[in-house]
């Protein structure tokens, strides 16, 4: 496989195109016309139409996530608007790799081999590093306290929660981890963090200087938010709807930052390298 077409995407995908070209792939792009890093490599051709871009392609790579609104694919480096419908209607028989693709879309376009790179465990694990670092960067910028010595609650003990808690402990935070499963609570204790069962969370909320949520289910509603410190900083890392009642937080004057897609914002080059490594694993399996 030598010919790859890349359509849309953010800085991670633009950097990925550059990395693939440096590895010897022939790259055609569409809807990346404002990505200036792609102008310097002869093995990258910016196309003026989607038809030109996909002609002869052995693999098509789309954005991560594919779409934010469920209708249009993400094209932040172009003024071109491409609907999901338009994209897949032109890809008959092609292999397509993109990120965060709805299952209903995969089932609808059964004439296209669609693979979701974000469903890969290796990429999900590696992305937690930049997500955790990005959350800590926000905390450092948005509080008047040092992280060292601060009481920090991490809600959820999945991939992100584990990495985030480890980094926070390493820089001297007093780390509390919320979970509901007994096995997670046992691991929290084993790692030396303070464990908080979800059922007992209300009793602890007034302790924390910083709360970082990783759970994509609304946990902190108005009743819970009334119990937090007046100057608390809450960072929500979870995808829609998030773990915090945003209207209630605004009503109560709580500082809430909903920080989505941090890997692409805080570490696009590293994220592109992670995506490339995962992509190569997927190509081998093809």
Foldseek 3Di string as FASTA:
>chain_A
DAEEEEEAAALLVLLLQVVSVVVRHQYEYELQVQSVVQPPGPSYHYDPDPVVRPVPGQEYEYYAAQDDVQFWGHRPNHPDTHTPVNVLVNQFQHEYEYADDDPVSCVVSVRYNYDHLCVDPLLVLVLLQLVLVLVVVCVVVPDPDDLAAFEEEEEDCDSNNVNNQVVSVVRHHQYEYEDADPVSQVVCVVVPHHYDYLVRVLVCQQRGQEYEYADQDASAELVSVVNYDLNHEYEFAYDPPTHHDVVSCVVSVYHYHDDYPSCCVRPSNVSSVSSNVSVVVVVVVD
